[in-house]
Amino acid sequence: MSRSAFSADHIFGSTWYNTVMTGSSTEAREDLRRMLMEVRRGLLGLHKALIVAEQLTYERINGRVGSTGQLLQLVLNDPWFTWLHPLSQLVIRVDELLDEGEELTTVEVEHFLADVRALIRPSEEGDGFERSYYEALQREPDVIFAHVEVKKLVTKAAA
């Protein structure tokens, strides 16, 4: 083959290059989407477990929460639940990534998974989310189970 057959335009414009380097094949996109759906499911389970754990502690101190609507208002607006907002934001982000109108890229997914890994690191000495997360893990078995599930899903996704 002539030297001109291997020009930058030929290589970088090729379907093969775009498929391999950007993961733009339909199968690769669907694999990313399935993996993100699994991680989303795990994050929702963790989010729910944390809300229930916080609700129980909140109710011990402040009395019963009257309805799911009241609980929603507390989660959104009460300082007691503010520490959960970073996890809520991750759920919103994964929903945006999965939006049918958007094409997933490997880079976006890798950044998202890195953010999940960074957030779900409990710390006894930390503050904000990491400290409150540590405390929830210490008092509620369902939070532990949900945490382990998310860790497994994120590890599997990174493999």
N, C-alpha and C. Protein backbone atom coordinates (compact mmCIF):
# COMPACT_ATOMS: atom_id res chain seq x y z
N MET A 1 0.83 -1.19 0.00
CA MET A 1 0.00 0.00 0.00
C MET A 1 0.86 1.24 0.00
N SER A 2 0.38 2.24 -0.63
CA SER A 2 1.14 3.48 -0.69
C SER A 2 1.08 4.20 0.65
N ARG A 3 2.06 5.05 0.87
CA ARG A 3 2.17 5.84 2.11
C ARG A 3 0.92 6.70 2.32
N SER A 4 0.34 7.22 1.25
CA SER A 4 -0.83 8.09 1.38
C SER A 4 -2.05 7.34 1.88
N ALA A 5 -2.07 6.00 1.74
CA ALA A 5 -3.19 5.22 2.22
C ALA A 5 -3.28 5.24 3.74
N PHE A 6 -2.19 5.60 4.43
CA PHE A 6 -2.17 5.63 5.88
C PHE A 6 -2.12 7.06 6.41
N SER A 7 -2.74 7.95 5.72
CA SER A 7 -2.76 9.35 6.17
C SER A 7 -3.56 9.48 7.46
N ALA A 8 -3.35 10.58 8.17
CA ALA A 8 -4.07 10.83 9.41
C ALA A 8 -5.58 10.85 9.17
N ASP A 9 -5.99 11.45 8.05
CA ASP A 9 -7.42 11.51 7.74
C ASP A 9 -7.99 10.11 7.56
N HIS A 10 -7.22 9.25 6.93
CA HIS A 10 -7.68 7.89 6.69
C HIS A 10 -7.83 7.13 8.01
N ILE A 11 -6.84 7.23 8.86
CA ILE A 11 -6.85 6.49 10.13
C ILE A 11 -7.88 7.07 11.09
N PHE A 12 -7.80 8.39 11.34
CA PHE A 12 -8.67 9.00 12.34
C PHE A 12 -10.10 9.14 11.86
N GLY A 13 -10.32 9.09 10.59
CA GLY A 13 -11.68 9.18 10.07
C GLY A 13 -12.33 7.82 9.90
N SER A 14 -11.58 6.77 10.15
CA SER A 14 -12.11 5.43 9.90
C SER A 14 -13.12 5.01 10.96
N THR A 15 -14.03 4.16 10.53
CA THR A 15 -15.03 3.60 11.44
C THR A 15 -14.35 2.78 12.52
N TRP A 16 -13.34 2.01 12.14
CA TRP A 16 -12.62 1.19 13.12
C TRP A 16 -12.05 2.05 14.24
N TYR A 17 -11.35 3.12 13.89
CA TYR A 17 -10.74 3.98 14.91
C TYR A 17 -11.81 4.56 15.82
N ASN A 18 -12.87 5.09 15.25
CA ASN A 18 -13.92 5.69 16.06
C ASN A 18 -14.60 4.66 16.96
N THR A 19 -14.76 3.46 16.46
CA THR A 19 -15.37 2.42 17.28
C THR A 19 -14.45 2.02 18.43
N VAL A 20 -13.19 1.79 18.14
CA VAL A 20 -12.24 1.36 19.17
C VAL A 20 -11.92 2.48 20.15
N MET A 21 -11.63 3.66 19.67
CA MET A 21 -11.15 4.74 20.52
C MET A 21 -12.26 5.49 21.23
N THR A 22 -13.45 5.53 20.69
CA THR A 22 -14.52 6.28 21.34
C THR A 22 -15.62 5.39 21.85
N GLY A 23 -15.53 4.10 21.59
CA GLY A 23 -16.55 3.19 22.05
C GLY A 23 -17.92 3.51 21.45
N SER A 24 -17.93 3.93 20.20
CA SER A 24 -19.17 4.40 19.61
C SER A 24 -19.99 3.32 18.91
N SER A 25 -19.55 2.08 18.96
CA SER A 25 -20.37 1.04 18.35
C SER A 25 -21.65 0.89 19.15
N THR A 26 -22.69 0.46 18.47
CA THR A 26 -23.98 0.29 19.12
C THR A 26 -23.86 -0.69 20.28
N GLU A 27 -23.13 -1.77 20.08
CA GLU A 27 -22.97 -2.77 21.14
C GLU A 27 -22.23 -2.19 22.34
N ALA A 28 -21.18 -1.43 22.11
CA ALA A 28 -20.43 -0.82 23.20
C ALA A 28 -21.30 0.17 23.96
N ARG A 29 -22.08 0.98 23.23
CA ARG A 29 -22.98 1.94 23.89
C ARG A 29 -24.02 1.23 24.74
N GLU A 30 -24.56 0.14 24.21
CA GLU A 30 -25.56 -0.62 24.97
C GLU A 30 -24.94 -1.27 26.21
N ASP A 31 -23.70 -1.75 26.10
CA ASP A 31 -23.00 -2.30 27.27
C ASP A 31 -22.82 -1.22 28.33
N LEU A 32 -22.41 -0.02 27.92
CA LEU A 32 -22.25 1.10 28.86
C LEU A 32 -23.59 1.43 29.51
N ARG A 33 -24.63 1.46 28.73
CA ARG A 33 -25.97 1.77 29.24
C ARG A 33 -26.43 0.73 30.25
N ARG A 34 -26.25 -0.54 29.94
CA ARG A 34 -26.64 -1.62 30.88
C ARG A 34 -25.87 -1.52 32.18
N MET A 35 -24.57 -1.29 32.06
CA MET A 35 -23.73 -1.17 33.25
C MET A 35 -24.16 0.02 34.10
N LEU A 36 -24.44 1.15 33.46
CA LEU A 36 -24.89 2.32 34.21
C LEU A 36 -26.25 2.08 34.86
N MET A 37 -27.12 1.35 34.20
CA MET A 37 -28.42 1.02 34.80
C MET A 37 -28.23 0.19 36.07
N GLU A 38 -27.29 -0.74 36.05
CA GLU A 38 -27.01 -1.53 37.25
C GLU A 38 -26.47 -0.65 38.37
N VAL A 39 -25.54 0.23 38.04
CA VAL A 39 -24.98 1.14 39.04
C VAL A 39 -26.08 2.05 39.57
N ARG A 40 -26.94 2.54 38.69
CA ARG A 40 -28.06 3.38 39.10
C ARG A 40 -28.95 2.64 40.10
N ARG A 41 -29.27 1.40 39.79
CA ARG A 41 -30.10 0.59 40.68
C ARG A 41 -29.45 0.48 42.06
N GLY A 42 -28.14 0.24 42.08
CA GLY A 42 -27.43 0.15 43.34
C GLY A 42 -27.42 1.47 44.10
N LEU A 43 -27.21 2.58 43.38
CA LEU A 43 -27.22 3.89 44.03
C LEU A 43 -28.59 4.22 44.61
N LEU A 44 -29.65 3.86 43.88
CA LEU A 44 -31.00 4.09 44.40
C LEU A 44 -31.25 3.26 45.66
N GLY A 45 -30.76 2.03 45.68
CA GLY A 45 -30.89 1.20 46.88
C GLY A 45 -30.15 1.79 48.05
N LEU A 46 -28.95 2.30 47.81
CA LEU A 46 -28.17 2.94 48.87
C LEU A 46 -28.85 4.21 49.33
N HIS A 47 -29.33 5.00 48.41
CA HIS A 47 -30.02 6.25 48.74
C HIS A 47 -31.24 5.96 49.62
N LYS A 48 -32.02 4.97 49.23
CA LYS A 48 -33.22 4.60 50.01
C LYS A 48 -32.82 4.12 51.41
N ALA A 49 -31.82 3.26 51.49
CA ALA A 49 -31.38 2.74 52.79
C ALA A 49 -30.92 3.88 53.70
N LEU A 50 -30.21 4.85 53.14
CA LEU A 50 -29.74 5.98 53.93
C LEU A 50 -30.89 6.88 54.38
N ILE A 51 -31.86 7.09 53.51
CA ILE A 51 -33.02 7.90 53.89
C ILE A 51 -33.79 7.22 55.03
N VAL A 52 -34.01 5.92 54.90
CA VAL A 52 -34.71 5.18 55.96
C VAL A 52 -33.92 5.25 57.27
N ALA A 53 -32.61 5.05 57.19
CA ALA A 53 -31.77 5.11 58.40
C ALA A 53 -31.85 6.49 59.04
N GLU A 54 -31.78 7.52 58.25
CA GLU A 54 -31.85 8.89 58.78
C GLU A 54 -33.25 9.19 59.31
N GLN A 55 -34.27 8.68 58.65
CA GLN A 55 -35.63 8.89 59.13
C GLN A 55 -35.81 8.29 60.52
N LEU A 56 -35.30 7.07 60.71
CA LEU A 56 -35.43 6.42 62.02
C LEU A 56 -34.75 7.23 63.12
N THR A 57 -33.55 7.70 62.84
CA THR A 57 -32.83 8.51 63.82
C THR A 57 -33.54 9.84 64.05
N TYR A 58 -33.98 10.46 62.98
CA TYR A 58 -34.71 11.73 63.07
C TYR A 58 -35.96 11.57 63.94
N GLU A 59 -36.70 10.48 63.70
CA GLU A 59 -37.95 10.25 64.44
C GLU A 59 -37.70 9.97 65.92
N ARG A 60 -36.59 9.34 66.26
CA ARG A 60 -36.27 9.12 67.67
C ARG A 60 -36.10 10.44 68.42
N ILE A 61 -35.58 11.42 67.72
CA ILE A 61 -35.30 12.72 68.34
C ILE A 61 -36.47 13.69 68.19
N ASN A 62 -37.08 13.73 67.02
CA ASN A 62 -38.08 14.76 66.69
C ASN A 62 -39.51 14.27 66.61
N GLY A 63 -39.76 13.00 66.78
CA GLY A 63 -41.12 12.47 66.64
C GLY A 63 -41.37 11.95 65.23
N ARG A 64 -42.47 11.26 65.12
CA ARG A 64 -42.83 10.57 63.87
C ARG A 64 -43.01 11.55 62.71
N VAL A 65 -42.53 11.09 61.52
CA VAL A 65 -42.78 11.81 60.27
C VAL A 65 -44.14 11.34 59.78
N GLY A 66 -45.04 12.29 59.53
CA GLY A 66 -46.44 11.97 59.26
C GLY A 66 -46.75 11.30 57.93
N SER A 67 -45.98 11.59 56.90
CA SER A 67 -46.30 11.06 55.57
C SER A 67 -45.05 11.02 54.71
N THR A 68 -45.18 10.35 53.58
CA THR A 68 -44.05 10.33 52.64
C THR A 68 -43.81 11.72 52.06
N GLY A 69 -44.88 12.50 51.91
CA GLY A 69 -44.72 13.88 51.43
C GLY A 69 -43.92 14.72 52.41
N GLN A 70 -44.20 14.52 53.70
CA GLN A 70 -43.45 15.25 54.72
C GLN A 70 -41.99 14.79 54.72
N LEU A 71 -41.78 13.48 54.57
CA LEU A 71 -40.42 12.96 54.51
C LEU A 71 -39.67 13.56 53.31
N LEU A 72 -40.33 13.62 52.17
CA LEU A 72 -39.71 14.21 50.99
C LEU A 72 -39.30 15.66 51.27
N GLN A 73 -40.17 16.42 51.89
CA GLN A 73 -39.85 17.81 52.21
C GLN A 73 -38.66 17.89 53.17
N LEU A 74 -38.62 16.97 54.13
CA LEU A 74 -37.48 16.95 55.06
C LEU A 74 -36.19 16.63 54.31
N VAL A 75 -36.23 15.63 53.44
CA VAL A 75 -35.02 15.23 52.69
C VAL A 75 -34.53 16.39 51.82
N LEU A 76 -35.46 17.12 51.24
CA LEU A 76 -35.09 18.22 50.37
C LEU A 76 -34.64 19.47 51.12
N ASN A 77 -35.24 19.73 52.29
CA ASN A 77 -35.07 21.04 52.91
C ASN A 77 -34.53 21.06 54.33
N ASP A 78 -34.62 19.97 55.06
CA ASP A 78 -34.21 19.99 56.46
C ASP A 78 -32.70 19.76 56.58
N PRO A 79 -32.02 20.56 57.39
CA PRO A 79 -30.57 20.39 57.57
C PRO A 79 -30.17 18.99 58.02
N TRP A 80 -31.07 18.29 58.70
CA TRP A 80 -30.78 16.93 59.16
C TRP A 80 -30.39 16.02 57.99
N PHE A 81 -31.03 16.22 56.85
CA PHE A 81 -30.85 15.35 55.70
C PHE A 81 -29.92 15.94 54.64
N THR A 82 -29.41 17.13 54.86
CA THR A 82 -28.59 17.82 53.85
C THR A 82 -27.39 16.99 53.40
N TRP A 83 -26.81 16.25 54.31
CA TRP A 83 -25.62 15.48 53.96
C TRP A 83 -25.88 14.45 52.86
N LEU A 84 -27.15 14.09 52.64
CA LEU A 84 -27.50 13.12 51.59
C LEU A 84 -27.51 13.72 50.19
N HIS A 85 -27.50 15.04 50.09
CA HIS A 85 -27.62 15.69 48.78
C HIS A 85 -26.54 15.29 47.77
N PRO A 86 -25.27 15.10 48.16
CA PRO A 86 -24.30 14.66 47.15
C PRO A 86 -24.67 13.31 46.50
N LEU A 87 -25.25 12.40 47.27
CA LEU A 87 -25.68 11.12 46.71
C LEU A 87 -26.89 11.34 45.80
N SER A 88 -27.79 12.21 46.21
CA SER A 88 -28.93 12.56 45.35
C SER A 88 -28.44 13.12 44.02
N GLN A 89 -27.41 13.94 44.06
CA GLN A 89 -26.85 14.53 42.85
C GLN A 89 -26.26 13.47 41.92
N LEU A 90 -25.65 12.43 42.50
CA LEU A 90 -25.12 11.34 41.66
C LEU A 90 -26.26 10.59 40.96
N VAL A 91 -27.37 10.41 41.65
CA VAL A 91 -28.52 9.74 41.03
C VAL A 91 -29.04 10.60 39.87
N ILE A 92 -29.11 11.89 40.08
CA ILE A 92 -29.54 12.80 39.01
C ILE A 92 -28.56 12.73 37.84
N ARG A 93 -27.27 12.70 38.15
CA ARG A 93 -26.26 12.63 37.09
C ARG A 93 -26.36 11.36 36.27
N VAL A 94 -26.57 10.23 36.94
CA VAL A 94 -26.67 8.98 36.18
C VAL A 94 -27.92 9.00 35.31
N ASP A 95 -29.00 9.60 35.81
CA ASP A 95 -30.21 9.72 34.98
C ASP A 95 -29.93 10.59 33.75
N GLU A 96 -29.17 11.65 33.93
CA GLU A 96 -28.82 12.51 32.79
C GLU A 96 -27.94 11.77 31.79
N LEU A 97 -27.00 10.97 32.30
CA LEU A 97 -26.15 10.18 31.40
C LEU A 97 -26.97 9.18 30.60
N LEU A 98 -28.00 8.63 31.24
CA LEU A 98 -28.82 7.62 30.59
C LEU A 98 -29.92 8.20 29.71
N ASP A 99 -30.06 9.51 29.71
CA ASP A 99 -31.06 10.17 28.88
C ASP A 99 -30.94 9.67 27.45
N GLU A 100 -32.03 9.22 26.89
CA GLU A 100 -32.03 8.63 25.55
C GLU A 100 -31.46 9.56 24.48
N GLY A 101 -31.60 10.85 24.66
CA GLY A 101 -31.13 11.79 23.66
C GLY A 101 -29.62 11.97 23.65
N GLU A 102 -28.95 11.48 24.67
CA GLU A 102 -27.51 11.68 24.80
C GLU A 102 -26.76 10.40 24.41
N GLU A 103 -25.64 10.56 23.75
CA GLU A 103 -24.78 9.42 23.44
C GLU A 103 -23.74 9.29 24.54
N LEU A 104 -23.68 8.13 25.15
CA LEU A 104 -22.72 7.87 26.21
C LEU A 104 -21.31 7.78 25.67
N THR A 105 -20.37 8.34 26.41
CA THR A 105 -18.96 8.15 26.07
C THR A 105 -18.28 7.44 27.22
N THR A 106 -17.26 6.70 26.89
CA THR A 106 -16.50 5.98 27.90
C THR A 106 -15.91 6.94 28.92
N VAL A 107 -15.45 8.09 28.46
CA VAL A 107 -14.85 9.07 29.37
C VAL A 107 -15.87 9.57 30.38
N GLU A 108 -17.08 9.89 29.94
CA GLU A 108 -18.13 10.35 30.86
C GLU A 108 -18.43 9.29 31.91
N VAL A 109 -18.53 8.05 31.47
CA VAL A 109 -18.84 6.95 32.39
C VAL A 109 -17.70 6.75 33.38
N GLU A 110 -16.45 6.81 32.91
CA GLU A 110 -15.30 6.66 33.81
C GLU A 110 -15.27 7.77 34.86
N HIS A 111 -15.56 9.01 34.46
CA HIS A 111 -15.60 10.12 35.41
C HIS A 111 -16.72 9.92 36.43
N PHE A 112 -17.87 9.48 35.96
CA PHE A 112 -18.99 9.23 36.86
C PHE A 112 -18.63 8.14 37.88
N LEU A 113 -18.06 7.04 37.42
CA LEU A 113 -17.69 5.95 38.33
C LEU A 113 -16.64 6.40 39.33
N ALA A 114 -15.70 7.23 38.90
CA ALA A 114 -14.70 7.77 39.82
C ALA A 114 -15.37 8.63 40.89
N ASP A 115 -16.36 9.41 40.49
CA ASP A 115 -17.08 10.23 41.46
C ASP A 115 -17.87 9.37 42.45
N VAL A 116 -18.45 8.28 41.97
CA VAL A 116 -19.16 7.36 42.88
C VAL A 116 -18.18 6.77 43.88
N ARG A 117 -17.04 6.26 43.38
CA ARG A 117 -16.03 5.68 44.27
C ARG A 117 -15.56 6.69 45.31
N ALA A 118 -15.35 7.92 44.88
CA ALA A 118 -14.87 8.96 45.80
C ALA A 118 -15.92 9.29 46.86
N LEU A 119 -17.19 9.29 46.48
CA LEU A 119 -18.24 9.67 47.43
C LEU A 119 -18.49 8.60 48.47
N ILE A 120 -18.47 7.35 48.07
CA ILE A 120 -18.87 6.30 49.03
C ILE A 120 -17.68 5.77 49.84
N ARG A 121 -16.81 6.68 50.21
CA ARG A 121 -15.70 6.36 51.11
C ARG A 121 -16.01 6.94 52.48
N PRO A 122 -16.49 6.10 53.39
CA PRO A 122 -16.79 6.61 54.73
C PRO A 122 -15.51 6.96 55.48
N SER A 123 -15.62 7.90 56.41
CA SER A 123 -14.46 8.27 57.21
C SER A 123 -14.90 8.71 58.60
N GLU A 124 -14.35 8.05 59.58
CA GLU A 124 -14.64 8.41 60.97
C GLU A 124 -14.08 9.79 61.30
N GLU A 125 -12.96 10.14 60.71
CA GLU A 125 -12.32 11.44 60.98
C GLU A 125 -12.80 12.54 60.03
N GLY A 126 -13.54 12.18 59.00
CA GLY A 126 -13.94 13.16 58.00
C GLY A 126 -15.07 14.05 58.49
N ASP A 127 -15.58 14.82 57.56
CA ASP A 127 -16.74 15.65 57.88
C ASP A 127 -17.71 15.59 56.72
N GLY A 128 -18.86 16.21 56.87
CA GLY A 128 -19.86 16.20 55.80
C GLY A 128 -20.32 14.79 55.47
N PHE A 129 -20.41 14.52 54.17
CA PHE A 129 -20.94 13.24 53.72
C PHE A 129 -20.15 12.06 54.28
N GLU A 130 -18.83 12.11 54.18
CA GLU A 130 -18.02 10.94 54.56
C GLU A 130 -18.19 10.57 56.03
N ARG A 131 -18.31 11.55 56.90
CA ARG A 131 -18.51 11.28 58.33
C ARG A 131 -19.92 10.74 58.60
N SER A 132 -20.93 11.41 58.05
CA SER A 132 -22.31 10.96 58.25
C SER A 132 -22.53 9.57 57.63
N TYR A 133 -21.87 9.32 56.51
CA TYR A 133 -21.97 8.02 55.86
C TYR A 133 -21.34 6.95 56.76
N TYR A 134 -20.21 7.25 57.34
CA TYR A 134 -19.55 6.34 58.28
C TYR A 134 -20.51 6.00 59.43
N GLU A 135 -21.13 7.01 59.99
CA GLU A 135 -22.04 6.81 61.12
C GLU A 135 -23.25 5.96 60.73
N ALA A 136 -23.81 6.20 59.55
CA ALA A 136 -24.94 5.40 59.08
C ALA A 136 -24.53 3.94 58.88
N LEU A 137 -23.34 3.71 58.38
CA LEU A 137 -22.84 2.34 58.21
C LEU A 137 -22.67 1.65 59.56
N GLN A 138 -22.35 2.40 60.60
CA GLN A 138 -22.16 1.82 61.93
C GLN A 138 -23.48 1.40 62.58
N ARG A 139 -24.57 2.07 62.24
CA ARG A 139 -25.82 1.82 62.97
C ARG A 139 -26.89 1.05 62.19
N GLU A 140 -26.76 0.93 60.87
CA GLU A 140 -27.83 0.31 60.08
C GLU A 140 -27.31 -0.77 59.13
N PRO A 141 -27.65 -2.04 59.41
CA PRO A 141 -27.21 -3.14 58.53
C PRO A 141 -27.65 -2.98 57.07
N ASP A 142 -28.84 -2.44 56.83
CA ASP A 142 -29.30 -2.28 55.44
C ASP A 142 -28.40 -1.32 54.66
N VAL A 143 -27.83 -0.34 55.34
CA VAL A 143 -26.90 0.59 54.69
C VAL A 143 -25.63 -0.17 54.31
N ILE A 144 -25.18 -1.05 55.20
CA ILE A 144 -23.99 -1.86 54.89
C ILE A 144 -24.23 -2.71 53.65
N PHE A 145 -25.37 -3.39 53.60
CA PHE A 145 -25.67 -4.25 52.45
C PHE A 145 -25.73 -3.43 51.15
N ALA A 146 -26.37 -2.27 51.21
CA ALA A 146 -26.47 -1.42 50.02
C ALA A 146 -25.10 -0.89 49.61
N HIS A 147 -24.27 -0.54 50.59
CA HIS A 147 -22.91 -0.06 50.33
C HIS A 147 -22.09 -1.14 49.61
N VAL A 148 -22.15 -2.35 50.12
CA VAL A 148 -21.41 -3.46 49.52
C VAL A 148 -21.88 -3.70 48.08
N GLU A 149 -23.18 -3.61 47.86
CA GLU A 149 -23.72 -3.81 46.51
C GLU A 149 -23.19 -2.75 45.55
N VAL A 150 -23.18 -1.50 45.96
CA VAL A 150 -22.67 -0.43 45.08
C VAL A 150 -21.18 -0.64 44.82
N LYS A 151 -20.43 -0.97 45.85
CA LYS A 151 -18.99 -1.21 45.66
C LYS A 151 -18.76 -2.33 44.64
N LYS A 152 -19.53 -3.42 44.74
CA LYS A 152 -19.40 -4.51 43.79
C LYS A 152 -19.74 -4.08 42.38
N LEU A 153 -20.81 -3.32 42.22
CA LEU A 153 -21.22 -2.87 40.89
C LEU A 153 -20.19 -1.93 40.27
N VAL A 154 -19.65 -1.03 41.08
CA VAL A 154 -18.65 -0.09 40.56
C VAL A 154 -17.37 -0.82 40.21
N THR A 155 -16.98 -1.79 41.02
CA THR A 155 -15.78 -2.58 40.74
C THR A 155 -15.97 -3.38 39.46
N LYS A 156 -17.15 -3.99 39.32
CA LYS A 156 -17.47 -4.78 38.10
C LYS A 156 -17.46 -3.87 36.87
N ALA A 157 -18.01 -2.67 37.02
CA ALA A 157 -18.08 -1.73 35.89
C ALA A 157 -16.70 -1.28 35.46
N ALA A 158 -15.79 -1.15 36.41
CA ALA A 158 -14.43 -0.69 36.10
C ALA A 158 -13.58 -1.78 35.48
N ALA A 159 -14.00 -3.02 35.62
CA ALA A 159 -13.21 -4.16 35.11
C ALA A 159 -13.28 -4.27 33.61
